[in-house]
Amino acid sequence: MNPKQMQAAMRRMGVSQEEMQDVEEVVIKTRSKEVVFKDAAVMKITMQGQVTYQIVGTPEERERRTAEASGEDGVPDEDIKLVVSQTGCTVGEAKKALEECDGALAEAILKIMTPK
């Protein structure tokens, strides 16, 4: 069956699909971890009134941080303290560097310690 016939058959069965544009990141959260797709291609498929999403990309698993371990802005207090202790910067500078580096401790420390 050629692709045009396949699409026509899918339409007759009530199946539609569309590629979602401008997807930056997809995060699947479980109780203990997060699965992150930074290079995701996402397809939205509607079949008989049910919508499903198909994600294609390279997953990266990371431990999920609980709300208690994070400050109000989502940056863990222990990470802020570590950056402050390693660099001698202020709490505000540490938070800003961690936010800019997506929580990567080593990158945040290097960012603060690198002369501008």
C-alpha atoms as a PDB file:
ATOM      1  CA  MET A   1       0.000   0.000   0.000  1.00  0.00           C
ATOM      2  CA  ASN A   2       1.481   3.367  -0.939  1.00  0.00           C
ATOM      3  CA  PRO A   3       1.640   6.242   1.588  1.00  0.00           C
ATOM      4  CA  LYS A   4      -1.312   8.150   0.062  1.00  0.00           C
ATOM      5  CA  GLN A   5      -3.540   5.079   0.291  1.00  0.00           C
ATOM      6  CA  MET A   6      -2.392   4.538   3.878  1.00  0.00           C
ATOM      7  CA  GLN A   7      -3.293   8.130   4.835  1.00  0.00           C
ATOM      8  CA  ALA A   8      -6.705   7.830   3.151  1.00  0.00           C
ATOM      9  CA  ALA A   9      -7.400   4.585   5.020  1.00  0.00           C
ATOM     10  CA  MET A  10      -6.393   6.213   8.314  1.00  0.00           C
ATOM     11  CA  ARG A  11      -8.733   9.162   7.676  1.00  0.00           C
ATOM     12  CA  ARG A  12     -11.618   6.771   6.978  1.00  0.00           C
ATOM     13  CA  MET A  13     -10.946   5.082  10.330  1.00  0.00           C
ATOM     14  CA  GLY A  14     -10.958   8.461  12.081  1.00  0.00           C
ATOM     15  CA  VAL A  15      -7.213   8.591  12.723  1.00  0.00           C
ATOM     16  CA  SER A  16      -5.390  11.885  12.389  1.00  0.00           C
ATOM     17  CA  GLN A  17      -1.848  12.846  13.249  1.00  0.00           C
ATOM     18  CA  GLU A  18       0.126  16.036  13.400  1.00  0.00           C
ATOM     19  CA  GLU A  19       3.736  16.777  14.219  1.00  0.00           C
ATOM     20  CA  MET A  20       4.085  19.220  17.089  1.00  0.00           C
ATOM     21  CA  GLN A  21       6.385  22.102  16.186  1.00  0.00           C
ATOM     22  CA  ASP A  22       8.874  23.978  18.385  1.00  0.00           C
ATOM     23  CA  VAL A  23       9.156  21.260  21.063  1.00  0.00           C
ATOM     24  CA  GLU A  24      12.110  22.170  23.269  1.00  0.00           C
ATOM     25  CA  GLU A  25      11.981  19.415  25.870  1.00  0.00           C
ATOM     26  CA  VAL A  26       9.732  16.585  27.071  1.00  0.00           C
ATOM     27  CA  VAL A  27       9.865  15.486  30.730  1.00  0.00           C
ATOM     28  CA  ILE A  28       8.175  12.362  32.084  1.00  0.00           C
ATOM     29  CA  LYS A  29       8.059  12.416  35.894  1.00  0.00           C
ATOM     30  CA  THR A  30       7.699   9.357  38.085  1.00  0.00           C
ATOM     31  CA  ARG A  31       7.902   9.319  41.869  1.00  0.00           C
ATOM     32  CA  SER A  32      11.619   8.643  41.894  1.00  0.00           C
ATOM     33  CA  LYS A  33      13.006   9.861  38.573  1.00  0.00           C
ATOM     34  CA  GLU A  34      12.538  12.015  35.522  1.00  0.00           C
ATOM     35  CA  VAL A  35      13.013  10.907  31.922  1.00  0.00           C
ATOM     36  CA  VAL A  36      14.050  13.914  29.844  1.00  0.00           C
ATOM     37  CA  PHE A  37      14.045  14.146  26.044  1.00  0.00           C
ATOM     38  CA  LYS A  38      15.915  17.314  24.993  1.00  0.00           C
ATOM     39  CA  ASP A  39      15.957  16.477  21.284  1.00  0.00           C
ATOM     40  CA  ALA A  40      12.394  15.202  21.082  1.00  0.00           C
ATOM     41  CA  ALA A  41      10.203  14.922  18.019  1.00  0.00           C
ATOM     42  CA  VAL A  42       6.568  14.665  19.131  1.00  0.00           C
ATOM     43  CA  MET A  43       3.655  13.352  17.078  1.00  0.00           C
ATOM     44  CA  LYS A  44       0.063  13.933  18.278  1.00  0.00           C
ATOM     45  CA  ILE A  45      -2.243  11.104  17.187  1.00  0.00           C
ATOM     46  CA  THR A  46      -6.041  11.198  17.522  1.00  0.00           C
ATOM     47  CA  MET A  47      -7.887   7.908  17.128  1.00  0.00           C
ATOM     48  CA  GLN A  48     -11.569   7.417  17.951  1.00  0.00           C
ATOM     49  CA  GLY A  49     -11.577  10.482  20.204  1.00  0.00           C
ATOM     50  CA  GLN A  50      -8.482   9.397  22.156  1.00  0.00           C
ATOM     51  CA  VAL A  51      -5.371  11.567  21.903  1.00  0.00           C
ATOM     52  CA  THR A  52      -1.949   9.972  22.290  1.00  0.00           C
ATOM     53  CA  TYR A  53       1.525  11.420  21.931  1.00  0.00           C
ATOM     54  CA  GLN A  54       4.464   9.611  20.383  1.00  0.00           C
ATOM     55  CA  ILE A  55       7.899  10.802  21.497  1.00  0.00           C
ATOM     56  CA  VAL A  56      11.015  10.031  19.502  1.00  0.00           C
ATOM     57  CA  GLY A  57      14.417  11.054  20.836  1.00  0.00           C
ATOM     58  CA  THR A  58      17.252  10.171  23.180  1.00  0.00           C
ATOM     59  CA  PRO A  59      16.073   9.843  26.789  1.00  0.00           C
ATOM     60  CA  GLU A  60      18.168  10.909  29.750  1.00  0.00           C
ATOM     61  CA  GLU A  61      17.187   9.631  33.192  1.00  0.00           C
ATOM     62  CA  ARG A  62      17.844  11.668  36.304  1.00  0.00           C
ATOM     63  CA  GLU A  63      16.823  11.449  39.928  1.00  0.00           C
ATOM     64  CA  ARG A  64      13.760  13.493  40.721  1.00  0.00           C
ATOM     65  CA  ARG A  65      14.252  16.185  43.320  1.00  0.00           C
ATOM     66  CA  THR A  66      11.506  16.553  45.852  1.00  0.00           C
ATOM     67  CA  ALA A  67       9.881  19.894  46.607  1.00  0.00           C
ATOM     68  CA  GLU A  68      11.152  19.783  50.197  1.00  0.00           C
ATOM     69  CA  ALA A  69      14.749  19.634  48.977  1.00  0.00           C
ATOM     70  CA  SER A  70      14.272  22.633  46.703  1.00  0.00           C
ATOM     71  CA  GLY A  71      13.887  26.285  47.469  1.00  0.00           C
ATOM     72  CA  GLU A  72      10.903  28.308  46.273  1.00  0.00           C
ATOM     73  CA  ASP A  73      12.433  28.680  42.809  1.00  0.00           C
ATOM     74  CA  GLY A  74      13.199  24.973  42.387  1.00  0.00           C
ATOM     75  CA  VAL A  75      16.957  25.251  43.035  1.00  0.00           C
ATOM     76  CA  PRO A  76      17.930  22.831  45.830  1.00  0.00           C
ATOM     77  CA  ASP A  77      19.209  24.609  48.939  1.00  0.00           C
ATOM     78  CA  GLU A  78      22.050  22.089  49.313  1.00  0.00           C
ATOM     79  CA  ASP A  79      23.277  22.908  45.779  1.00  0.00           C
ATOM     80  CA  ILE A  80      23.233  26.632  46.555  1.00  0.00           C
ATOM     81  CA  LYS A  81      25.216  26.050  49.771  1.00  0.00           C
ATOM     82  CA  LEU A  82      27.774  23.944  47.917  1.00  0.00           C
ATOM     83  CA  VAL A  83      28.314  26.588  45.216  1.00  0.00           C
ATOM     84  CA  VAL A  84      28.637  29.320  47.878  1.00  0.00           C
ATOM     85  CA  SER A  85      31.133  27.247  49.893  1.00  0.00           C
ATOM     86  CA  GLN A  86      33.243  26.421  46.822  1.00  0.00           C
ATOM     87  CA  THR A  87      33.305  29.903  45.302  1.00  0.00           C
ATOM     88  CA  GLY A  88      32.731  32.378  48.131  1.00  0.00           C
ATOM     89  CA  CYS A  89      29.947  34.043  46.128  1.00  0.00           C
ATOM     90  CA  THR A  90      26.633  35.272  47.479  1.00  0.00           C
ATOM     91  CA  VAL A  91      23.497  33.126  47.669  1.00  0.00           C
ATOM     92  CA  GLY A  92      21.932  35.207  44.894  1.00  0.00           C
ATOM     93  CA  GLU A  93      24.923  34.694  42.594  1.00  0.00           C
ATOM     94  CA  ALA A  94      24.865  30.950  43.290  1.00  0.00           C
ATOM     95  CA  LYS A  95      21.116  30.705  42.506  1.00  0.00           C
ATOM     96  CA  LYS A  96      21.552  32.674  39.290  1.00  0.00           C
ATOM     97  CA  ALA A  97      24.477  30.525  38.118  1.00  0.00           C
ATOM     98  CA  LEU A  98      22.628  27.276  38.917  1.00  0.00           C
ATOM     99  CA  GLU A  99      19.532  28.464  37.048  1.00  0.00           C
ATOM    100  CA  GLU A 100      21.615  29.489  34.022  1.00  0.00           C
ATOM    101  CA  CYS A 101      23.387  26.104  34.043  1.00  0.00           C
ATOM    102  CA  ASP A 102      20.181  24.041  34.505  1.00  0.00           C
ATOM    103  CA  GLY A 103      21.327  22.863  37.937  1.00  0.00           C
ATOM    104  CA  ALA A 104      24.736  21.541  36.805  1.00  0.00           C
ATOM    105  CA  LEU A 105      26.912  22.111  39.878  1.00  0.00           C
ATOM    106  CA  ALA A 106      30.349  21.941  38.260  1.00  0.00           C
ATOM    107  CA  GLU A 107      29.278  24.199  35.401  1.00  0.00           C
ATOM    108  CA  ALA A 108      27.813  26.763  37.842  1.00  0.00           C
ATOM    109  CA  ILE A 109      30.995  26.784  39.924  1.00  0.00           C
ATOM    110  CA  LEU A 110      33.162  27.240  36.830  1.00  0.00           C
ATOM    111  CA  LYS A 111      30.877  30.005  35.576  1.00  0.00           C
ATOM    112  CA  ILE A 112      31.325  31.952  38.810  1.00  0.00           C
ATOM    113  CA  MET A 113      35.074  31.329  39.084  1.00  0.00           C
ATOM    114  CA  THR A 114      35.896  32.153  35.453  1.00  0.00           C
ATOM    115  CA  PRO A 115      37.020  35.766  35.119  1.00  0.00           C
ATOM    116  CA  LYS A 116      34.774  37.852  32.887  1.00  0.00           C
END
